[in-house]
């Protein structure tokens, strides 16, 4: 069972679109106002753990993952645009007016193709191997959902520590632009790996 936790830490706490956004939120001093974003991320992971745990891996296979990936790319690009635009709308204290909320975290993680892909080994291999099903599956799903919520939260905390030394709004603007570009790169990477390649393979 320790292996499940270690795997969850490994896949949830590595840099990705959600955690990059958490880092950006922390740098901009919005961590306390963005707790809902973390809860949205955790709720999305809880959803995948429960649905795939009880319904099976077939629910998210084939074309469904391609569609999910395409929608996810679009939403990540949308958030990247919002971050880039926020850099031009800083308040006088250097903080952006845009606060990411529960809906942003929920939708972003639901449309993140890496989320169900990360959950599949847990529900199809690790849960059955540890004889986790029924009520225990629900309890494990809740625990892992909370673990997932802590991932962007930890990046927010790190961003908050880094952001304490950034008092010049000009640097905050530059950082926002860099984060927007990184998120754009992540979206394009996901689009190539999870949309373009499967569609090209199907066409051959």
N, C-alpha and C. Protein backbone atom coordinates (compact mmCIF):
# COMPACT_ATOMS: atom_id res chain seq x y z
N UNK A 1 0.83 -1.22 0.00
CA UNK A 1 0.00 0.00 0.00
C UNK A 1 0.86 1.26 0.00
N UNK A 2 2.05 1.15 0.57
CA UNK A 2 2.97 2.27 0.53
C UNK A 2 3.32 2.62 -0.92
N UNK A 3 3.35 1.59 -1.78
CA UNK A 3 3.65 1.81 -3.18
C UNK A 3 2.62 2.71 -3.85
N UNK A 4 1.35 2.61 -3.44
CA UNK A 4 0.29 3.44 -4.00
C UNK A 4 0.55 4.91 -3.66
N UNK A 5 0.92 5.16 -2.40
CA UNK A 5 1.17 6.53 -1.95
C UNK A 5 2.40 7.11 -2.66
N UNK A 6 3.45 6.30 -2.75
CA UNK A 6 4.67 6.77 -3.41
C UNK A 6 4.42 7.06 -4.88
N UNK A 7 3.64 6.18 -5.52
CA UNK A 7 3.30 6.43 -6.93
C UNK A 7 2.49 7.71 -7.06
N UNK A 8 1.50 7.89 -6.16
CA UNK A 8 0.68 9.10 -6.20
C UNK A 8 1.52 10.35 -6.03
N UNK A 9 2.48 10.32 -5.10
CA UNK A 9 3.37 11.47 -4.90
C UNK A 9 4.18 11.74 -6.16
N UNK A 10 4.65 10.66 -6.78
CA UNK A 10 5.50 10.79 -7.96
C UNK A 10 4.78 11.43 -9.14
N UNK A 11 3.54 11.00 -9.38
CA UNK A 11 2.83 11.51 -10.56
C UNK A 11 2.11 12.83 -10.30
N UNK A 12 1.75 13.09 -9.03
CA UNK A 12 0.97 14.29 -8.73
C UNK A 12 1.83 15.50 -8.42
N UNK A 13 3.04 15.28 -7.92
CA UNK A 13 3.86 16.40 -7.44
C UNK A 13 4.98 16.79 -8.40
N UNK A 14 5.07 16.13 -9.55
CA UNK A 14 6.03 16.54 -10.56
C UNK A 14 5.45 17.72 -11.34
N UNK A 15 6.30 18.56 -11.94
CA UNK A 15 5.79 19.73 -12.67
C UNK A 15 4.85 19.34 -13.80
N UNK A 16 3.74 20.02 -13.87
CA UNK A 16 2.74 19.82 -14.91
C UNK A 16 1.92 21.10 -15.01
N UNK A 17 0.92 21.14 -15.87
CA UNK A 17 0.15 22.39 -16.03
C UNK A 17 -0.50 22.88 -14.74
N UNK A 18 -1.06 21.96 -13.96
CA UNK A 18 -1.74 22.35 -12.72
C UNK A 18 -0.74 22.89 -11.71
N UNK A 19 0.38 22.21 -11.54
CA UNK A 19 1.37 22.64 -10.57
C UNK A 19 2.09 23.92 -11.01
N UNK A 20 2.30 24.07 -12.31
CA UNK A 20 2.88 25.32 -12.81
C UNK A 20 1.96 26.50 -12.51
N UNK A 21 0.67 26.27 -12.66
CA UNK A 21 -0.29 27.32 -12.37
C UNK A 21 -0.28 27.64 -10.87
N UNK A 22 -0.14 26.60 -10.04
CA UNK A 22 -0.03 26.82 -8.60
C UNK A 22 1.19 27.66 -8.25
N UNK A 23 2.30 27.38 -8.90
CA UNK A 23 3.52 28.17 -8.68
C UNK A 23 3.29 29.63 -9.05
N UNK A 24 2.62 29.84 -10.17
CA UNK A 24 2.33 31.21 -10.61
C UNK A 24 1.44 31.93 -9.61
N UNK A 25 0.45 31.21 -9.08
CA UNK A 25 -0.46 31.80 -8.09
C UNK A 25 0.32 32.23 -6.85
N UNK A 26 1.24 31.37 -6.39
CA UNK A 26 2.03 31.69 -5.21
C UNK A 26 2.94 32.88 -5.44
N UNK A 27 3.60 32.92 -6.58
CA UNK A 27 4.49 34.04 -6.91
C UNK A 27 3.73 35.36 -6.88
N UNK A 28 2.48 35.31 -7.34
CA UNK A 28 1.65 36.52 -7.41
C UNK A 28 0.95 36.84 -6.10
N UNK A 29 1.24 36.07 -5.04
CA UNK A 29 0.68 36.37 -3.74
C UNK A 29 -0.80 36.08 -3.60
N UNK A 30 -1.32 35.11 -4.39
CA UNK A 30 -2.74 34.81 -4.37
C UNK A 30 -3.05 33.44 -3.75
N UNK A 31 -2.09 32.85 -3.04
CA UNK A 31 -2.27 31.49 -2.52
C UNK A 31 -3.49 31.36 -1.61
N UNK A 32 -3.64 32.27 -0.65
CA UNK A 32 -4.74 32.17 0.30
C UNK A 32 -6.10 32.33 -0.38
N UNK A 33 -6.13 33.09 -1.45
CA UNK A 33 -7.39 33.32 -2.16
C UNK A 33 -7.67 32.24 -3.20
N UNK A 34 -6.73 31.31 -3.36
CA UNK A 34 -6.87 30.29 -4.41
C UNK A 34 -6.94 28.87 -3.85
N UNK A 35 -7.32 28.74 -2.58
CA UNK A 35 -7.45 27.42 -1.98
C UNK A 35 -8.49 26.59 -2.74
N UNK A 36 -9.53 27.26 -3.22
CA UNK A 36 -10.58 26.57 -3.99
C UNK A 36 -10.02 25.89 -5.22
N UNK A 37 -9.00 26.50 -5.83
CA UNK A 37 -8.36 25.89 -7.00
C UNK A 37 -7.79 24.52 -6.64
N UNK A 38 -7.11 24.43 -5.50
CA UNK A 38 -6.53 23.16 -5.05
C UNK A 38 -7.63 22.13 -4.79
N UNK A 39 -8.72 22.58 -4.17
CA UNK A 39 -9.83 21.66 -3.88
C UNK A 39 -10.48 21.18 -5.18
N UNK A 40 -10.51 22.03 -6.18
CA UNK A 40 -11.05 21.63 -7.48
C UNK A 40 -10.20 20.56 -8.12
N UNK A 41 -8.87 20.71 -8.02
CA UNK A 41 -7.95 19.70 -8.55
C UNK A 41 -8.15 18.37 -7.82
N UNK A 42 -8.24 18.42 -6.50
CA UNK A 42 -8.44 17.20 -5.73
C UNK A 42 -9.77 16.53 -6.04
N UNK A 43 -10.81 17.35 -6.25
CA UNK A 43 -12.14 16.80 -6.57
C UNK A 43 -12.12 16.09 -7.93
N UNK A 44 -11.39 16.66 -8.89
CA UNK A 44 -11.29 16.03 -10.22
C UNK A 44 -10.59 14.68 -10.12
N UNK A 45 -9.52 14.61 -9.33
CA UNK A 45 -8.81 13.35 -9.15
C UNK A 45 -9.68 12.33 -8.42
N UNK A 46 -10.45 12.81 -7.43
CA UNK A 46 -11.39 11.93 -6.73
C UNK A 46 -12.40 11.35 -7.71
N UNK A 47 -12.90 12.18 -8.61
CA UNK A 47 -13.86 11.74 -9.62
C UNK A 47 -13.25 10.62 -10.47
N UNK A 48 -12.04 10.83 -10.98
CA UNK A 48 -11.41 9.82 -11.83
C UNK A 48 -11.13 8.53 -11.06
N UNK A 49 -10.70 8.66 -9.83
CA UNK A 49 -10.41 7.46 -9.02
C UNK A 49 -11.67 6.63 -8.79
N UNK A 50 -12.78 7.31 -8.51
CA UNK A 50 -14.04 6.60 -8.26
C UNK A 50 -14.63 6.02 -9.54
N UNK A 51 -14.69 6.83 -10.59
CA UNK A 51 -15.30 6.37 -11.84
C UNK A 51 -14.49 5.25 -12.47
N UNK A 52 -13.18 5.44 -12.59
CA UNK A 52 -12.35 4.41 -13.20
C UNK A 52 -12.18 3.22 -12.27
N UNK A 53 -12.24 3.46 -10.96
CA UNK A 53 -12.12 2.37 -10.01
C UNK A 53 -13.31 1.43 -10.04
N UNK A 54 -14.50 2.00 -10.24
CA UNK A 54 -15.71 1.18 -10.25
C UNK A 54 -16.16 0.80 -11.66
N UNK A 55 -15.99 1.73 -12.61
CA UNK A 55 -16.47 1.46 -13.97
C UNK A 55 -15.44 0.78 -14.83
N UNK A 56 -14.17 0.91 -14.49
CA UNK A 56 -13.13 0.25 -15.27
C UNK A 56 -12.44 1.17 -16.24
N UNK A 57 -11.29 0.72 -16.72
CA UNK A 57 -10.44 1.54 -17.59
C UNK A 57 -11.06 1.79 -18.96
N UNK A 58 -11.98 0.95 -19.38
CA UNK A 58 -12.55 1.09 -20.72
C UNK A 58 -13.29 2.41 -20.89
N UNK A 59 -13.70 3.01 -19.77
CA UNK A 59 -14.48 4.25 -19.82
C UNK A 59 -13.70 5.39 -20.44
N UNK A 60 -12.38 5.37 -20.34
CA UNK A 60 -11.58 6.50 -20.81
C UNK A 60 -10.63 6.09 -21.94
N UNK A 61 -10.91 5.02 -22.60
CA UNK A 61 -10.00 4.54 -23.64
C UNK A 61 -10.30 5.14 -25.01
N UNK A 62 -9.38 4.90 -25.94
CA UNK A 62 -9.59 5.23 -27.36
C UNK A 62 -9.90 6.68 -27.64
N UNK A 63 -10.98 6.90 -28.40
CA UNK A 63 -11.34 8.24 -28.86
C UNK A 63 -11.70 9.18 -27.72
N UNK A 64 -12.21 8.63 -26.61
CA UNK A 64 -12.57 9.48 -25.47
C UNK A 64 -11.37 10.25 -24.95
N UNK A 65 -10.22 9.58 -24.89
CA UNK A 65 -9.01 10.24 -24.41
C UNK A 65 -8.53 11.30 -25.39
N UNK A 66 -8.70 11.05 -26.68
CA UNK A 66 -8.31 12.04 -27.70
C UNK A 66 -9.16 13.31 -27.56
N UNK A 67 -10.47 13.13 -27.41
CA UNK A 67 -11.38 14.27 -27.25
C UNK A 67 -11.06 15.02 -25.97
N UNK A 68 -10.86 14.27 -24.88
CA UNK A 68 -10.51 14.88 -23.59
C UNK A 68 -9.22 15.69 -23.72
N UNK A 69 -8.24 15.13 -24.41
CA UNK A 69 -6.95 15.80 -24.58
C UNK A 69 -7.10 17.09 -25.37
N UNK A 70 -7.90 17.05 -26.43
CA UNK A 70 -8.11 18.24 -27.24
C UNK A 70 -8.78 19.35 -26.43
N UNK A 71 -9.79 18.99 -25.65
CA UNK A 71 -10.46 19.97 -24.79
C UNK A 71 -9.50 20.50 -23.74
N UNK A 72 -8.68 19.61 -23.18
CA UNK A 72 -7.71 20.01 -22.17
C UNK A 72 -6.70 21.00 -22.72
N UNK A 73 -6.21 20.75 -23.93
CA UNK A 73 -5.27 21.68 -24.57
C UNK A 73 -5.89 23.07 -24.71
N UNK A 74 -7.13 23.08 -25.15
CA UNK A 74 -7.82 24.35 -25.33
C UNK A 74 -7.97 25.11 -24.02
N UNK A 75 -8.29 24.39 -22.94
CA UNK A 75 -8.49 25.05 -21.64
C UNK A 75 -7.17 25.55 -21.07
N UNK A 76 -6.10 24.77 -21.24
CA UNK A 76 -4.78 25.21 -20.77
C UNK A 76 -4.34 26.47 -21.52
N UNK A 77 -4.58 26.49 -22.83
CA UNK A 77 -4.26 27.67 -23.62
C UNK A 77 -5.09 28.88 -23.17
N UNK A 78 -6.34 28.64 -22.81
CA UNK A 78 -7.21 29.70 -22.31
C UNK A 78 -6.64 30.29 -21.01
N UNK A 79 -6.20 29.41 -20.08
CA UNK A 79 -5.63 29.89 -18.83
C UNK A 79 -4.31 30.60 -19.06
N UNK A 80 -3.52 30.11 -20.02
CA UNK A 80 -2.27 30.78 -20.36
C UNK A 80 -2.55 32.20 -20.85
N UNK A 81 -3.58 32.34 -21.66
CA UNK A 81 -3.98 33.66 -22.15
C UNK A 81 -4.39 34.57 -20.99
N UNK A 82 -5.14 34.00 -20.04
CA UNK A 82 -5.59 34.77 -18.89
C UNK A 82 -4.40 35.26 -18.06
N UNK A 83 -3.39 34.39 -17.89
CA UNK A 83 -2.21 34.77 -17.12
C UNK A 83 -1.44 35.88 -17.84
N UNK A 84 -1.26 35.70 -19.14
CA UNK A 84 -0.54 36.71 -19.92
C UNK A 84 -1.28 38.05 -19.88
N UNK A 85 -2.58 38.00 -19.98
CA UNK A 85 -3.38 39.23 -19.95
C UNK A 85 -3.34 39.86 -18.57
N UNK A 86 -3.31 39.01 -17.52
CA UNK A 86 -3.28 39.53 -16.14
C UNK A 86 -2.02 40.33 -15.89
N UNK A 87 -0.94 39.99 -16.59
CA UNK A 87 0.31 40.72 -16.39
C UNK A 87 0.19 42.18 -16.80
N UNK A 88 -0.79 42.49 -17.62
CA UNK A 88 -1.01 43.87 -18.03
C UNK A 88 -2.08 44.55 -17.18
N UNK A 89 -2.64 43.80 -16.20
CA UNK A 89 -3.72 44.33 -15.37
C UNK A 89 -3.38 44.22 -13.90
N UNK A 90 -2.11 44.45 -13.56
CA UNK A 90 -1.69 44.33 -12.18
C UNK A 90 -2.29 45.45 -11.33
N UNK A 91 -2.63 45.08 -10.09
CA UNK A 91 -3.08 46.09 -9.15
C UNK A 91 -1.87 46.90 -8.67
N UNK A 92 -2.11 47.93 -7.93
CA UNK A 92 -1.02 48.80 -7.50
C UNK A 92 -0.02 48.08 -6.61
N UNK A 93 -0.43 47.02 -5.91
CA UNK A 93 0.50 46.28 -5.05
C UNK A 93 1.22 45.19 -5.82
N UNK A 94 1.01 45.11 -7.14
CA UNK A 94 1.73 44.14 -7.96
C UNK A 94 1.04 42.81 -8.08
N UNK A 95 -0.16 42.66 -7.50
CA UNK A 95 -0.88 41.39 -7.57
C UNK A 95 -1.89 41.42 -8.71
N UNK A 96 -2.09 40.30 -9.40
CA UNK A 96 -3.04 40.28 -10.50
C UNK A 96 -4.47 40.27 -10.00
N UNK A 97 -5.38 40.82 -10.80
CA UNK A 97 -6.78 40.85 -10.41
C UNK A 97 -7.43 39.47 -10.56
N UNK A 98 -6.87 38.60 -11.39
CA UNK A 98 -7.45 37.29 -11.67
C UNK A 98 -7.09 36.32 -10.57
N UNK A 99 -8.10 35.69 -9.94
CA UNK A 99 -7.88 34.65 -8.93
C UNK A 99 -8.45 33.35 -9.46
N UNK A 100 -7.66 32.28 -9.41
CA UNK A 100 -8.12 30.99 -9.89
C UNK A 100 -8.92 30.30 -8.80
N UNK A 101 -10.10 29.79 -9.16
CA UNK A 101 -11.04 29.27 -8.18
C UNK A 101 -11.26 27.77 -8.33
N UNK A 102 -12.24 27.25 -7.58
CA UNK A 102 -12.56 25.82 -7.58
C UNK A 102 -12.88 25.33 -8.99
N UNK A 103 -13.67 26.10 -9.72
CA UNK A 103 -14.05 25.69 -11.07
C UNK A 103 -12.83 25.55 -11.98
N UNK A 104 -11.91 26.51 -11.87
CA UNK A 104 -10.70 26.45 -12.69
C UNK A 104 -9.92 25.17 -12.41
N UNK A 105 -9.74 24.85 -11.13
CA UNK A 105 -9.00 23.64 -10.77
C UNK A 105 -9.71 22.38 -11.21
N UNK A 106 -11.03 22.35 -11.02
CA UNK A 106 -11.82 21.18 -11.38
C UNK A 106 -11.78 20.94 -12.89
N UNK A 107 -12.09 21.99 -13.66
CA UNK A 107 -12.15 21.83 -15.11
C UNK A 107 -10.77 21.53 -15.68
N UNK A 108 -9.75 22.24 -15.20
CA UNK A 108 -8.40 22.03 -15.74
C UNK A 108 -7.94 20.60 -15.52
N UNK A 109 -8.20 20.06 -14.31
CA UNK A 109 -7.75 18.70 -14.03
C UNK A 109 -8.63 17.66 -14.71
N UNK A 110 -9.92 17.91 -14.83
CA UNK A 110 -10.79 16.98 -15.55
C UNK A 110 -10.39 16.87 -17.01
N UNK A 111 -9.95 17.99 -17.59
CA UNK A 111 -9.58 18.02 -19.00
C UNK A 111 -8.09 17.77 -19.22
N UNK A 112 -7.37 17.48 -18.15
CA UNK A 112 -5.94 17.17 -18.26
C UNK A 112 -5.79 15.68 -18.57
N UNK A 113 -5.38 15.31 -19.77
CA UNK A 113 -5.31 13.88 -20.11
C UNK A 113 -4.34 13.10 -19.25
N UNK A 114 -3.39 13.80 -18.64
CA UNK A 114 -2.44 13.10 -17.78
C UNK A 114 -3.08 12.62 -16.48
N UNK A 115 -4.23 13.21 -16.11
CA UNK A 115 -4.91 12.81 -14.87
C UNK A 115 -5.46 11.39 -14.95
N UNK A 116 -6.33 11.07 -15.94
CA UNK A 116 -6.81 9.68 -16.02
C UNK A 116 -5.70 8.69 -16.34
N UNK A 117 -4.72 9.12 -17.14
CA UNK A 117 -3.60 8.23 -17.47
C UNK A 117 -2.82 7.88 -16.19
N UNK A 118 -2.68 8.87 -15.30
CA UNK A 118 -1.98 8.63 -14.04
C UNK A 118 -2.79 7.74 -13.10
N UNK A 119 -4.12 7.86 -13.18
CA UNK A 119 -5.00 7.09 -12.28
C UNK A 119 -5.11 5.63 -12.70
N UNK A 120 -5.01 5.36 -14.00
CA UNK A 120 -5.23 4.00 -14.50
C UNK A 120 -4.36 2.93 -13.82
N UNK A 121 -3.05 3.14 -13.65
CA UNK A 121 -2.26 2.11 -12.98
C UNK A 121 -2.70 1.85 -11.54
N UNK A 122 -3.22 2.90 -10.90
CA UNK A 122 -3.68 2.73 -9.51
C UNK A 122 -4.92 1.85 -9.46
N UNK A 123 -5.91 2.16 -10.31
CA UNK A 123 -7.20 1.46 -10.22
C UNK A 123 -7.18 0.10 -10.90
N UNK A 124 -6.30 -0.09 -11.89
CA UNK A 124 -6.29 -1.37 -12.61
C UNK A 124 -5.24 -2.35 -12.11
N UNK A 125 -4.20 -1.83 -11.45
CA UNK A 125 -3.11 -2.71 -10.99
C UNK A 125 -2.95 -2.68 -9.47
N UNK A 126 -2.74 -1.48 -8.92
CA UNK A 126 -2.39 -1.39 -7.51
C UNK A 126 -3.57 -1.67 -6.58
N UNK A 127 -4.75 -1.14 -6.89
CA UNK A 127 -5.91 -1.42 -6.05
C UNK A 127 -6.25 -2.92 -6.03
N UNK A 128 -6.37 -3.57 -7.19
CA UNK A 128 -6.67 -5.01 -7.16
C UNK A 128 -5.59 -5.83 -6.44
N UNK A 129 -4.31 -5.46 -6.65
CA UNK A 129 -3.22 -6.20 -6.01
C UNK A 129 -3.28 -6.09 -4.49
N UNK A 130 -3.76 -4.95 -3.99
CA UNK A 130 -3.87 -4.75 -2.55
C UNK A 130 -5.25 -5.10 -2.03
N UNK A 131 -6.09 -5.70 -2.87
CA UNK A 131 -7.46 -6.10 -2.52
C UNK A 131 -8.28 -4.91 -2.01
N UNK A 132 -8.13 -3.79 -2.71
CA UNK A 132 -8.87 -2.58 -2.37
C UNK A 132 -10.08 -2.47 -3.28
N UNK A 133 -11.26 -2.55 -2.69
CA UNK A 133 -12.50 -2.43 -3.46
C UNK A 133 -13.62 -2.00 -2.53
N UNK A 134 -14.75 -1.65 -3.10
CA UNK A 134 -15.90 -1.25 -2.30
C UNK A 134 -15.62 -0.02 -1.45
N UNK A 135 -15.95 -0.13 -0.15
CA UNK A 135 -15.79 0.99 0.78
C UNK A 135 -14.33 1.42 0.90
N UNK A 136 -13.42 0.46 0.93
CA UNK A 136 -12.00 0.80 1.05
C UNK A 136 -11.52 1.56 -0.18
N UNK A 137 -12.08 1.25 -1.36
CA UNK A 137 -11.72 1.99 -2.57
C UNK A 137 -12.14 3.45 -2.44
N UNK A 138 -13.34 3.68 -1.89
CA UNK A 138 -13.82 5.05 -1.70
C UNK A 138 -12.90 5.81 -0.75
N UNK A 139 -12.52 5.15 0.36
CA UNK A 139 -11.64 5.80 1.34
C UNK A 139 -10.28 6.13 0.74
N UNK A 140 -9.74 5.18 -0.03
CA UNK A 140 -8.46 5.42 -0.69
C UNK A 140 -8.58 6.54 -1.72
N UNK A 141 -9.69 6.58 -2.44
CA UNK A 141 -9.91 7.63 -3.44
C UNK A 141 -9.95 9.00 -2.78
N UNK A 142 -10.63 9.10 -1.64
CA UNK A 142 -10.68 10.37 -0.91
C UNK A 142 -9.29 10.78 -0.45
N UNK A 143 -8.54 9.82 0.10
CA UNK A 143 -7.19 10.12 0.56
C UNK A 143 -6.28 10.58 -0.57
N UNK A 144 -6.35 9.89 -1.70
CA UNK A 144 -5.52 10.27 -2.85
C UNK A 144 -5.99 11.59 -3.46
N UNK A 145 -7.31 11.85 -3.37
CA UNK A 145 -7.83 13.14 -3.83
C UNK A 145 -7.27 14.29 -3.01
N UNK A 146 -7.18 14.08 -1.69
CA UNK A 146 -6.58 15.10 -0.81
C UNK A 146 -5.10 15.27 -1.12
N UNK A 147 -4.44 14.15 -1.41
CA UNK A 147 -3.02 14.20 -1.78
C UNK A 147 -2.85 15.02 -3.07
N UNK A 148 -3.77 14.83 -4.00
CA UNK A 148 -3.72 15.58 -5.26
C UNK A 148 -3.96 17.06 -5.03
N UNK A 149 -4.86 17.39 -4.10
CA UNK A 149 -5.12 18.80 -3.80
C UNK A 149 -3.89 19.47 -3.21
N UNK A 150 -3.09 18.69 -2.51
CA UNK A 150 -1.88 19.25 -1.90
C UNK A 150 -0.78 19.55 -2.89
N UNK A 151 -0.85 18.96 -4.10
CA UNK A 151 0.21 19.17 -5.09
C UNK A 151 0.29 20.63 -5.53
N UNK A 152 -0.79 21.20 -6.10
CA UNK A 152 -0.70 22.63 -6.46
C UNK A 152 -0.53 23.50 -5.23
N UNK A 153 -1.05 23.03 -4.07
CA UNK A 153 -0.89 23.78 -2.83
C UNK A 153 0.57 23.92 -2.44
N UNK A 154 1.35 22.83 -2.61
CA UNK A 154 2.77 22.88 -2.28
C UNK A 154 3.51 23.81 -3.23
N UNK A 155 3.11 23.82 -4.51
CA UNK A 155 3.74 24.73 -5.47
C UNK A 155 3.34 26.18 -5.17
N UNK A 156 2.12 26.39 -4.68
CA UNK A 156 1.72 27.73 -4.27
C UNK A 156 2.59 28.21 -3.11
N UNK A 157 2.83 27.32 -2.15
CA UNK A 157 3.66 27.68 -1.00
C UNK A 157 5.07 28.03 -1.45
N UNK A 158 5.62 27.23 -2.37
CA UNK A 158 6.95 27.51 -2.91
C UNK A 158 6.95 28.84 -3.65
N UNK A 159 5.92 29.06 -4.46
CA UNK A 159 5.81 30.33 -5.17
C UNK A 159 5.68 31.51 -4.23
N UNK A 160 4.97 31.30 -3.11
CA UNK A 160 4.84 32.37 -2.12
C UNK A 160 6.18 32.75 -1.52
N UNK A 161 7.00 31.73 -1.23
CA UNK A 161 8.34 32.00 -0.68
C UNK A 161 9.20 32.75 -1.69
N UNK A 162 9.13 32.33 -2.95
CA UNK A 162 9.90 33.00 -3.99
C UNK A 162 9.37 34.41 -4.22
N UNK A 163 8.06 34.55 -4.16
CA UNK A 163 7.44 35.83 -4.46
C UNK A 163 7.69 36.90 -3.41
N UNK A 164 8.07 36.48 -2.18
CA UNK A 164 8.35 37.46 -1.14
C UNK A 164 9.54 38.35 -1.50
N UNK A 165 10.42 37.81 -2.34
CA UNK A 165 11.58 38.62 -2.75
C UNK A 165 11.33 39.40 -4.02
N UNK A 166 10.12 39.29 -4.58
CA UNK A 166 9.80 40.00 -5.82
C UNK A 166 8.84 41.14 -5.49
N UNK A 167 9.36 42.32 -5.41
CA UNK A 167 8.52 43.48 -5.08
C UNK A 167 8.29 44.40 -6.27
N UNK A 168 9.06 44.20 -7.32
CA UNK A 168 8.93 45.03 -8.51
C UNK A 168 7.84 44.47 -9.42
N UNK A 169 6.76 45.23 -9.66
CA UNK A 169 5.68 44.72 -10.54
C UNK A 169 6.18 44.31 -11.92
N UNK A 170 7.25 44.95 -12.40
CA UNK A 170 7.80 44.59 -13.70
C UNK A 170 8.28 43.16 -13.74
N UNK A 171 8.89 42.70 -12.65
CA UNK A 171 9.35 41.31 -12.59
C UNK A 171 8.18 40.35 -12.52
N UNK A 172 7.13 40.75 -11.80
CA UNK A 172 5.92 39.91 -11.72
C UNK A 172 5.31 39.75 -13.10
N UNK A 173 5.27 40.85 -13.87
CA UNK A 173 4.73 40.80 -15.22
C UNK A 173 5.54 39.84 -16.08
N UNK A 174 6.88 39.94 -15.98
CA UNK A 174 7.74 39.06 -16.77
C UNK A 174 7.52 37.60 -16.38
N UNK A 175 7.39 37.35 -15.09
CA UNK A 175 7.17 35.98 -14.63
C UNK A 175 5.85 35.44 -15.17
N UNK A 176 4.81 36.27 -15.16
CA UNK A 176 3.51 35.84 -15.69
C UNK A 176 3.61 35.46 -17.16
N UNK A 177 4.35 36.25 -17.92
CA UNK A 177 4.52 35.95 -19.34
C UNK A 177 5.26 34.63 -19.52
N UNK A 178 6.31 34.42 -18.71
CA UNK A 178 7.07 33.16 -18.78
C UNK A 178 6.17 31.98 -18.45
N UNK A 179 5.33 32.10 -17.39
CA UNK A 179 4.41 31.02 -17.02
C UNK A 179 3.40 30.77 -18.13
N UNK A 180 2.93 31.84 -18.76
CA UNK A 180 1.98 31.68 -19.87
C UNK A 180 2.62 30.92 -21.02
N UNK A 181 3.87 31.24 -21.30
CA UNK A 181 4.59 30.54 -22.37
C UNK A 181 4.82 29.07 -22.01
N UNK A 182 5.16 28.81 -20.75
CA UNK A 182 5.37 27.42 -20.31
C UNK A 182 4.08 26.62 -20.43
N UNK A 183 2.97 27.22 -20.01
CA UNK A 183 1.68 26.53 -20.12
C UNK A 183 1.31 26.28 -21.58
N UNK A 184 1.63 27.24 -22.43
CA UNK A 184 1.38 27.06 -23.86
C UNK A 184 2.19 25.88 -24.38
N UNK A 185 3.46 25.80 -23.95
CA UNK A 185 4.31 24.67 -24.35
C UNK A 185 3.75 23.35 -23.86
N UNK A 186 3.24 23.32 -22.63
CA UNK A 186 2.63 22.10 -22.08
C UNK A 186 1.41 21.70 -22.91
N UNK A 187 0.58 22.68 -23.25
CA UNK A 187 -0.62 22.41 -24.05
C UNK A 187 -0.25 21.82 -25.41
N UNK A 188 0.76 22.40 -26.04
CA UNK A 188 1.18 21.90 -27.35
C UNK A 188 1.77 20.50 -27.23
N UNK A 189 2.51 20.25 -26.15
CA UNK A 189 3.08 18.92 -25.93
C UNK A 189 1.99 17.87 -25.75
N UNK A 190 0.97 18.21 -24.94
CA UNK A 190 -0.16 17.30 -24.72
C UNK A 190 -0.91 17.08 -26.03
N UNK A 191 -1.09 18.16 -26.79
CA UNK A 191 -1.79 18.04 -28.06
C UNK A 191 -1.07 17.12 -29.03
N UNK A 192 0.25 17.22 -29.07
CA UNK A 192 1.02 16.36 -29.98
C UNK A 192 0.96 14.91 -29.52
N UNK A 193 1.19 14.69 -28.22
CA UNK A 193 1.28 13.32 -27.70
C UNK A 193 -0.07 12.60 -27.65
N UNK A 194 -1.10 13.33 -27.23
CA UNK A 194 -2.39 12.67 -26.96
C UNK A 194 -3.46 12.93 -28.02
N UNK A 195 -3.21 13.86 -28.96
CA UNK A 195 -4.19 14.13 -30.01
C UNK A 195 -3.61 13.82 -31.39
N UNK A 196 -2.52 14.48 -31.74
CA UNK A 196 -1.95 14.33 -33.07
C UNK A 196 -1.46 12.90 -33.35
N UNK A 197 -0.66 12.36 -32.42
CA UNK A 197 -0.09 11.02 -32.64
C UNK A 197 -1.18 9.96 -32.75
N UNK A 198 -2.17 9.91 -31.82
CA UNK A 198 -3.24 8.90 -31.97
C UNK A 198 -4.03 9.05 -33.27
N UNK A 199 -4.35 10.29 -33.65
CA UNK A 199 -5.10 10.50 -34.88
C UNK A 199 -4.28 10.13 -36.11
N UNK A 200 -2.98 10.45 -36.09
CA UNK A 200 -2.12 10.08 -37.21
C UNK A 200 -1.97 8.58 -37.32
N UNK A 201 -1.88 7.90 -36.17
CA UNK A 201 -1.76 6.43 -36.17
C UNK A 201 -3.03 5.78 -36.68
N UNK A 202 -4.18 6.36 -36.31
CA UNK A 202 -5.46 5.80 -36.76
C UNK A 202 -5.65 5.98 -38.26
N UNK A 203 -5.05 7.05 -38.80
CA UNK A 203 -5.19 7.32 -40.23
C UNK A 203 -4.32 6.42 -41.09
N UNK A 204 -3.26 5.88 -40.49
CA UNK A 204 -2.34 4.99 -41.25
C UNK A 204 -2.97 3.63 -41.53
